[in-house]
N, C-alpha and C. Protein backbone atom coordinates (compact mmCIF):
# COMPACT_ATOMS: atom_id res chain seq x y z
N MET A 1 -7.38 -7.48 9.64
CA MET A 1 -6.29 -6.64 9.24
C MET A 1 -5.81 -6.93 7.84
N PRO A 2 -6.38 -7.85 7.11
CA PRO A 2 -5.93 -8.01 5.74
C PRO A 2 -6.03 -6.71 4.96
N VAL A 3 -5.10 -6.54 4.04
CA VAL A 3 -5.05 -5.36 3.19
C VAL A 3 -5.29 -5.82 1.76
N PHE A 4 -6.30 -5.24 1.13
CA PHE A 4 -6.64 -5.57 -0.26
C PHE A 4 -6.06 -4.51 -1.19
N GLN A 5 -5.45 -4.97 -2.26
CA GLN A 5 -5.03 -4.10 -3.35
C GLN A 5 -5.71 -4.65 -4.60
N VAL A 6 -6.55 -3.81 -5.21
CA VAL A 6 -7.33 -4.24 -6.36
C VAL A 6 -6.88 -3.44 -7.58
N HIS A 7 -6.59 -4.14 -8.65
CA HIS A 7 -6.16 -3.53 -9.90
C HIS A 7 -7.25 -3.78 -10.93
N VAL A 8 -7.82 -2.69 -11.45
CA VAL A 8 -8.95 -2.78 -12.37
C VAL A 8 -8.62 -2.03 -13.67
N PRO A 9 -9.32 -2.37 -14.76
CA PRO A 9 -9.16 -1.60 -15.99
C PRO A 9 -9.65 -0.17 -15.76
N ALA A 10 -8.83 0.81 -16.13
CA ALA A 10 -9.19 2.22 -15.94
C ALA A 10 -10.48 2.55 -16.68
N GLY A 11 -11.38 3.26 -16.01
CA GLY A 11 -12.60 3.73 -16.61
C GLY A 11 -13.67 2.68 -16.84
N ARG A 12 -13.41 1.44 -16.49
CA ARG A 12 -14.36 0.36 -16.77
C ARG A 12 -15.50 0.32 -15.75
N PHE A 13 -15.19 0.57 -14.48
CA PHE A 13 -16.19 0.44 -13.42
C PHE A 13 -16.55 1.81 -12.86
N SER A 14 -17.83 1.96 -12.52
CA SER A 14 -18.32 3.23 -11.98
C SER A 14 -17.83 3.42 -10.55
N PRO A 15 -17.88 4.66 -10.06
CA PRO A 15 -17.54 4.89 -8.65
C PRO A 15 -18.41 4.05 -7.71
N GLU A 16 -19.68 3.85 -8.07
CA GLU A 16 -20.57 3.05 -7.24
C GLU A 16 -20.13 1.59 -7.20
N GLN A 17 -19.71 1.06 -8.35
CA GLN A 17 -19.22 -0.33 -8.39
C GLN A 17 -17.95 -0.47 -7.56
N LYS A 18 -17.06 0.50 -7.66
CA LYS A 18 -15.82 0.43 -6.88
C LYS A 18 -16.10 0.54 -5.38
N ARG A 19 -17.03 1.42 -5.00
CA ARG A 19 -17.41 1.51 -3.58
C ARG A 19 -18.03 0.19 -3.12
N ALA A 20 -18.87 -0.41 -3.98
CA ALA A 20 -19.49 -1.69 -3.63
C ALA A 20 -18.42 -2.76 -3.45
N LEU A 21 -17.41 -2.76 -4.31
CA LEU A 21 -16.31 -3.71 -4.16
C LEU A 21 -15.54 -3.45 -2.87
N GLY A 22 -15.29 -2.16 -2.59
CA GLY A 22 -14.58 -1.80 -1.35
C GLY A 22 -15.31 -2.26 -0.10
N GLN A 23 -16.62 -2.32 -0.15
CA GLN A 23 -17.41 -2.83 0.98
C GLN A 23 -17.49 -4.35 0.95
N ALA A 24 -17.52 -4.92 -0.24
CA ALA A 24 -17.70 -6.37 -0.39
C ALA A 24 -16.48 -7.16 0.08
N LEU A 25 -15.30 -6.62 -0.12
CA LEU A 25 -14.11 -7.38 0.25
C LEU A 25 -14.00 -7.60 1.76
N PRO A 26 -14.21 -6.58 2.60
CA PRO A 26 -14.25 -6.86 4.04
C PRO A 26 -15.40 -7.81 4.43
N GLU A 27 -16.51 -7.75 3.69
CA GLU A 27 -17.59 -8.71 3.93
C GLU A 27 -17.13 -10.13 3.65
N ALA A 28 -16.30 -10.30 2.63
CA ALA A 28 -15.75 -11.62 2.32
C ALA A 28 -14.90 -12.12 3.49
N LEU A 29 -14.14 -11.22 4.10
CA LEU A 29 -13.33 -11.59 5.28
C LEU A 29 -14.22 -12.04 6.42
N GLN A 30 -15.30 -11.30 6.64
CA GLN A 30 -16.21 -11.65 7.73
C GLN A 30 -16.89 -12.99 7.45
N GLU A 31 -17.36 -13.17 6.22
CA GLU A 31 -18.05 -14.40 5.84
C GLU A 31 -17.12 -15.62 5.93
N ALA A 32 -15.92 -15.49 5.40
CA ALA A 32 -15.02 -16.64 5.31
C ALA A 32 -14.23 -16.90 6.58
N LEU A 33 -13.82 -15.82 7.26
CA LEU A 33 -12.88 -15.98 8.37
C LEU A 33 -13.37 -15.41 9.70
N GLY A 34 -14.54 -14.78 9.70
CA GLY A 34 -15.05 -14.21 10.94
C GLY A 34 -14.33 -12.95 11.38
N ILE A 35 -13.64 -12.30 10.47
CA ILE A 35 -12.91 -11.06 10.79
C ILE A 35 -13.92 -9.91 10.84
N PRO A 36 -13.85 -9.04 11.83
CA PRO A 36 -14.83 -7.95 11.97
C PRO A 36 -14.92 -7.09 10.71
N ALA A 37 -16.12 -6.67 10.36
CA ALA A 37 -16.38 -5.88 9.15
C ALA A 37 -15.64 -4.55 9.16
N GLU A 38 -15.39 -3.98 10.34
CA GLU A 38 -14.68 -2.70 10.40
C GLU A 38 -13.20 -2.82 10.09
N ASP A 39 -12.71 -4.04 9.94
CA ASP A 39 -11.32 -4.29 9.57
C ASP A 39 -11.23 -4.08 8.05
N GLN A 40 -11.23 -2.81 7.64
CA GLN A 40 -11.36 -2.47 6.22
C GLN A 40 -10.16 -1.67 5.75
N PHE A 41 -9.35 -2.30 4.91
CA PHE A 41 -8.18 -1.66 4.32
C PHE A 41 -8.14 -2.08 2.86
N VAL A 42 -8.64 -1.21 1.97
CA VAL A 42 -8.79 -1.55 0.56
C VAL A 42 -8.29 -0.39 -0.30
N THR A 43 -7.47 -0.70 -1.29
CA THR A 43 -7.13 0.29 -2.32
C THR A 43 -7.58 -0.27 -3.66
N ILE A 44 -8.09 0.61 -4.51
CA ILE A 44 -8.52 0.22 -5.86
C ILE A 44 -7.83 1.17 -6.82
N THR A 45 -7.09 0.60 -7.76
CA THR A 45 -6.31 1.38 -8.70
C THR A 45 -6.68 1.01 -10.13
N GLY A 46 -6.94 2.02 -10.96
CA GLY A 46 -7.24 1.80 -12.36
C GLY A 46 -5.97 1.81 -13.20
N HIS A 47 -5.95 0.93 -14.20
CA HIS A 47 -4.79 0.80 -15.08
C HIS A 47 -5.22 0.83 -16.54
N ARG A 48 -4.44 1.50 -17.37
CA ARG A 48 -4.68 1.51 -18.81
C ARG A 48 -4.43 0.11 -19.38
N PRO A 49 -4.91 -0.15 -20.61
CA PRO A 49 -4.72 -1.49 -21.21
C PRO A 49 -3.25 -1.93 -21.29
N ASP A 50 -2.33 -0.98 -21.41
CA ASP A 50 -0.91 -1.36 -21.47
C ASP A 50 -0.29 -1.54 -20.09
N GLU A 51 -1.09 -1.39 -19.03
CA GLU A 51 -0.60 -1.51 -17.66
C GLU A 51 -1.22 -2.66 -16.88
N LEU A 52 -2.26 -3.28 -17.43
CA LEU A 52 -2.94 -4.38 -16.75
C LEU A 52 -3.03 -5.53 -17.76
N LEU A 53 -2.12 -6.46 -17.62
CA LEU A 53 -1.98 -7.53 -18.61
C LEU A 53 -2.23 -8.88 -17.96
N LEU A 54 -3.32 -9.51 -18.35
CA LEU A 54 -3.67 -10.84 -17.84
C LEU A 54 -3.89 -11.75 -19.04
N ASP A 55 -3.25 -12.90 -19.02
CA ASP A 55 -3.45 -13.85 -20.11
C ASP A 55 -4.92 -14.27 -20.11
N PRO A 56 -5.59 -14.18 -21.24
CA PRO A 56 -7.03 -14.46 -21.27
C PRO A 56 -7.40 -15.93 -21.08
N GLU A 57 -6.44 -16.85 -21.25
CA GLU A 57 -6.78 -18.27 -21.19
C GLU A 57 -5.95 -19.09 -20.20
N TYR A 58 -5.01 -18.46 -19.51
CA TYR A 58 -4.15 -19.21 -18.61
C TYR A 58 -4.96 -19.98 -17.58
N MET A 59 -4.59 -21.23 -17.34
CA MET A 59 -5.25 -22.15 -16.41
C MET A 59 -6.69 -22.46 -16.83
N GLY A 60 -6.95 -22.41 -18.13
CA GLY A 60 -8.26 -22.78 -18.65
C GLY A 60 -9.35 -21.73 -18.46
N MET A 61 -8.97 -20.50 -18.15
CA MET A 61 -9.94 -19.43 -17.93
C MET A 61 -10.40 -18.84 -19.27
N GLU A 62 -11.49 -18.10 -19.21
CA GLU A 62 -11.99 -17.32 -20.34
C GLU A 62 -12.13 -15.89 -19.86
N ARG A 63 -10.99 -15.20 -19.72
CA ARG A 63 -10.99 -13.85 -19.18
C ARG A 63 -11.40 -12.84 -20.25
N SER A 64 -12.09 -11.80 -19.81
CA SER A 64 -12.49 -10.72 -20.70
C SER A 64 -11.65 -9.49 -20.38
N GLY A 65 -11.99 -8.39 -21.01
CA GLY A 65 -11.34 -7.13 -20.72
C GLY A 65 -11.73 -6.55 -19.37
N ASP A 66 -12.63 -7.21 -18.66
CA ASP A 66 -13.07 -6.78 -17.34
C ASP A 66 -12.24 -7.39 -16.21
N ALA A 67 -11.25 -8.21 -16.55
CA ALA A 67 -10.51 -8.94 -15.53
C ALA A 67 -9.81 -8.01 -14.54
N VAL A 68 -9.81 -8.43 -13.28
CA VAL A 68 -9.19 -7.67 -12.19
C VAL A 68 -8.20 -8.56 -11.45
N ILE A 69 -7.24 -7.93 -10.80
CA ILE A 69 -6.29 -8.62 -9.94
C ILE A 69 -6.52 -8.12 -8.53
N ILE A 70 -6.72 -9.05 -7.60
CA ILE A 70 -6.91 -8.70 -6.20
C ILE A 70 -5.81 -9.39 -5.40
N THR A 71 -4.96 -8.60 -4.75
CA THR A 71 -3.97 -9.17 -3.85
C THR A 71 -4.41 -8.89 -2.42
N VAL A 72 -4.11 -9.83 -1.55
CA VAL A 72 -4.53 -9.73 -0.15
C VAL A 72 -3.34 -10.02 0.74
N LEU A 73 -2.93 -9.03 1.52
CA LEU A 73 -1.93 -9.24 2.56
C LEU A 73 -2.69 -9.66 3.81
N PHE A 74 -2.33 -10.82 4.36
CA PHE A 74 -3.04 -11.31 5.55
C PHE A 74 -2.08 -12.11 6.41
N THR A 75 -2.51 -12.40 7.64
CA THR A 75 -1.60 -13.07 8.57
C THR A 75 -1.29 -14.48 8.11
N ALA A 76 -0.03 -14.85 8.26
CA ALA A 76 0.52 -16.06 7.67
C ALA A 76 0.06 -17.36 8.31
N GLU A 77 -0.49 -17.31 9.50
CA GLU A 77 -0.79 -18.57 10.20
C GLU A 77 -2.10 -19.23 9.78
N ARG A 78 -2.76 -18.73 8.77
CA ARG A 78 -4.04 -19.30 8.33
C ARG A 78 -3.86 -20.65 7.65
N PRO A 79 -4.72 -21.63 7.96
CA PRO A 79 -4.64 -22.94 7.30
C PRO A 79 -5.19 -22.86 5.86
N LEU A 80 -4.89 -23.87 5.06
CA LEU A 80 -5.32 -23.92 3.67
C LEU A 80 -6.85 -23.84 3.56
N SER A 81 -7.58 -24.43 4.48
CA SER A 81 -9.04 -24.37 4.43
C SER A 81 -9.54 -22.93 4.52
N ASP A 82 -8.91 -22.11 5.36
CA ASP A 82 -9.27 -20.70 5.46
C ASP A 82 -8.97 -19.97 4.16
N LYS A 83 -7.82 -20.28 3.57
CA LYS A 83 -7.44 -19.63 2.31
C LYS A 83 -8.43 -19.97 1.21
N ARG A 84 -8.84 -21.21 1.14
CA ARG A 84 -9.83 -21.62 0.12
C ARG A 84 -11.16 -20.90 0.34
N ALA A 85 -11.61 -20.84 1.58
CA ALA A 85 -12.87 -20.16 1.89
C ALA A 85 -12.78 -18.68 1.55
N LEU A 86 -11.65 -18.07 1.84
CA LEU A 86 -11.48 -16.65 1.57
C LEU A 86 -11.49 -16.37 0.06
N VAL A 87 -10.77 -17.16 -0.71
CA VAL A 87 -10.73 -16.95 -2.16
C VAL A 87 -12.12 -17.13 -2.77
N ARG A 88 -12.86 -18.13 -2.31
CA ARG A 88 -14.24 -18.32 -2.80
C ARG A 88 -15.11 -17.11 -2.47
N ALA A 89 -15.01 -16.63 -1.24
CA ALA A 89 -15.82 -15.48 -0.83
C ALA A 89 -15.43 -14.22 -1.59
N ILE A 90 -14.14 -14.00 -1.79
CA ILE A 90 -13.68 -12.83 -2.55
C ILE A 90 -14.23 -12.89 -3.97
N CYS A 91 -14.13 -14.03 -4.61
CA CYS A 91 -14.61 -14.17 -5.99
C CYS A 91 -16.12 -13.91 -6.05
N SER A 92 -16.85 -14.49 -5.14
CA SER A 92 -18.30 -14.32 -5.12
C SER A 92 -18.69 -12.86 -4.92
N LYS A 93 -18.07 -12.21 -3.96
CA LYS A 93 -18.39 -10.81 -3.65
C LYS A 93 -17.94 -9.88 -4.78
N ALA A 94 -16.78 -10.14 -5.37
CA ALA A 94 -16.28 -9.29 -6.45
C ALA A 94 -17.15 -9.40 -7.69
N THR A 95 -17.56 -10.61 -8.03
CA THR A 95 -18.41 -10.78 -9.22
C THR A 95 -19.75 -10.07 -9.02
N ALA A 96 -20.29 -10.15 -7.81
CA ALA A 96 -21.56 -9.47 -7.53
C ALA A 96 -21.41 -7.95 -7.56
N ALA A 97 -20.34 -7.44 -6.99
CA ALA A 97 -20.14 -5.99 -6.91
C ALA A 97 -19.85 -5.37 -8.28
N LEU A 98 -19.09 -6.09 -9.10
CA LEU A 98 -18.65 -5.52 -10.37
C LEU A 98 -19.44 -6.01 -11.57
N GLY A 99 -20.22 -7.08 -11.39
CA GLY A 99 -20.97 -7.64 -12.51
C GLY A 99 -20.07 -8.32 -13.53
N ILE A 100 -19.05 -9.01 -13.05
CA ILE A 100 -18.12 -9.70 -13.95
C ILE A 100 -18.18 -11.20 -13.68
N ALA A 101 -17.54 -11.97 -14.55
CA ALA A 101 -17.51 -13.42 -14.41
C ALA A 101 -16.43 -13.85 -13.43
N GLY A 102 -16.60 -15.02 -12.86
CA GLY A 102 -15.61 -15.56 -11.93
C GLY A 102 -14.25 -15.75 -12.57
N ASP A 103 -14.20 -16.03 -13.87
CA ASP A 103 -12.92 -16.17 -14.57
C ASP A 103 -12.15 -14.85 -14.62
N ASP A 104 -12.85 -13.73 -14.40
CA ASP A 104 -12.22 -12.42 -14.45
C ASP A 104 -11.68 -11.95 -13.10
N VAL A 105 -11.70 -12.82 -12.10
CA VAL A 105 -11.22 -12.45 -10.77
C VAL A 105 -9.97 -13.28 -10.45
N PHE A 106 -8.82 -12.64 -10.54
CA PHE A 106 -7.54 -13.26 -10.19
C PHE A 106 -7.21 -12.82 -8.77
N VAL A 107 -6.97 -13.77 -7.88
CA VAL A 107 -6.67 -13.46 -6.47
C VAL A 107 -5.31 -14.03 -6.10
N ALA A 108 -4.51 -13.23 -5.45
CA ALA A 108 -3.22 -13.67 -4.91
C ALA A 108 -3.20 -13.38 -3.41
N LEU A 109 -3.09 -14.44 -2.62
CA LEU A 109 -2.98 -14.29 -1.17
C LEU A 109 -1.50 -14.17 -0.82
N ILE A 110 -1.17 -13.16 -0.05
CA ILE A 110 0.22 -12.92 0.33
C ILE A 110 0.31 -13.00 1.85
N PRO A 111 0.78 -14.13 2.38
CA PRO A 111 0.86 -14.26 3.84
C PRO A 111 2.02 -13.44 4.42
N VAL A 112 1.71 -12.76 5.51
CA VAL A 112 2.67 -11.90 6.18
C VAL A 112 2.63 -12.24 7.67
N PRO A 113 3.79 -12.39 8.33
CA PRO A 113 3.74 -12.59 9.78
C PRO A 113 2.99 -11.44 10.45
N LYS A 114 2.10 -11.78 11.37
CA LYS A 114 1.22 -10.75 11.94
C LYS A 114 1.99 -9.64 12.65
N GLU A 115 3.18 -9.92 13.15
CA GLU A 115 3.93 -8.88 13.83
C GLU A 115 4.48 -7.83 12.85
N ASN A 116 4.28 -8.02 11.54
CA ASN A 116 4.76 -7.06 10.54
C ASN A 116 3.72 -6.01 10.17
N PHE A 117 2.55 -5.99 10.81
CA PHE A 117 1.52 -5.01 10.52
C PHE A 117 1.55 -3.88 11.54
N SER A 118 1.48 -2.65 11.04
CA SER A 118 1.31 -1.48 11.90
C SER A 118 0.00 -0.81 11.53
N PHE A 119 -0.83 -0.55 12.51
CA PHE A 119 -2.12 0.10 12.28
C PHE A 119 -2.02 1.61 12.47
N GLY A 120 -0.82 2.08 12.74
CA GLY A 120 -0.58 3.51 12.92
C GLY A 120 0.35 3.75 14.09
N ARG A 121 0.70 5.02 14.27
CA ARG A 121 1.57 5.47 15.35
C ARG A 121 2.98 4.89 15.29
N GLY A 122 3.35 4.27 14.18
CA GLY A 122 4.68 3.70 14.06
C GLY A 122 4.91 2.53 15.00
N GLU A 123 3.85 1.81 15.35
CA GLU A 123 3.96 0.70 16.29
C GLU A 123 3.51 -0.60 15.63
N LEU A 124 4.04 -1.70 16.07
CA LEU A 124 3.64 -3.02 15.60
C LEU A 124 2.71 -3.62 16.65
N GLN A 125 1.42 -3.31 16.53
CA GLN A 125 0.44 -3.66 17.54
C GLN A 125 0.27 -5.16 17.75
N LEU A 126 0.59 -5.98 16.78
CA LEU A 126 0.40 -7.43 16.91
C LEU A 126 1.69 -8.17 17.25
N ALA A 127 2.77 -7.43 17.46
CA ALA A 127 4.03 -8.04 17.86
C ALA A 127 3.90 -8.60 19.27
N PRO A 128 4.55 -9.73 19.54
CA PRO A 128 4.40 -10.37 20.86
C PRO A 128 4.80 -9.48 22.03
N ASP A 129 5.71 -8.56 21.83
CA ASP A 129 6.18 -7.73 22.95
C ASP A 129 5.54 -6.34 22.95
N PHE A 130 4.42 -6.14 22.22
CA PHE A 130 3.79 -4.83 22.15
C PHE A 130 3.23 -4.43 23.50
N ASP A 131 3.59 -3.25 23.95
CA ASP A 131 3.10 -2.70 25.21
C ASP A 131 1.94 -1.76 24.91
N GLN A 132 0.73 -2.10 25.36
CA GLN A 132 -0.45 -1.28 25.07
C GLN A 132 -0.69 -0.22 26.11
N THR A 133 0.26 0.01 26.98
CA THR A 133 0.15 1.06 27.98
C THR A 133 0.28 2.42 27.31
N PRO A 134 -0.67 3.34 27.52
CA PRO A 134 -0.56 4.67 26.91
C PRO A 134 0.69 5.38 27.37
N ALA A 135 1.31 6.10 26.44
CA ALA A 135 2.55 6.82 26.77
C ALA A 135 2.28 8.06 27.59
């Protein structure tokens, strides 16, 4: 159920590269955390140069104009080892899909209590008191 929001330089990547990234991110979830591949919730948004600002050298990186920001909303109970595995898998899959360097992949994990996710119908399917009885 993680939700990916990807911010890319506008016009930099082809539709095929963006589709490849959209498929690669759920694959990273499956590889790192064993989450089913059909658990796919990805948005990719292009930004003009004045809308996507990343310091090119912060934390010793050598970022190019290809740098992307990937935020991931995911359940909060994951241990640090899972987070490390997920970030590594995201970076690996993103660099392969987009043809960019690892320094160009900025990832922010945003933990959310699992009961705060709704998959539709205005219901919180993962809440402890969720009734799965059809109405």
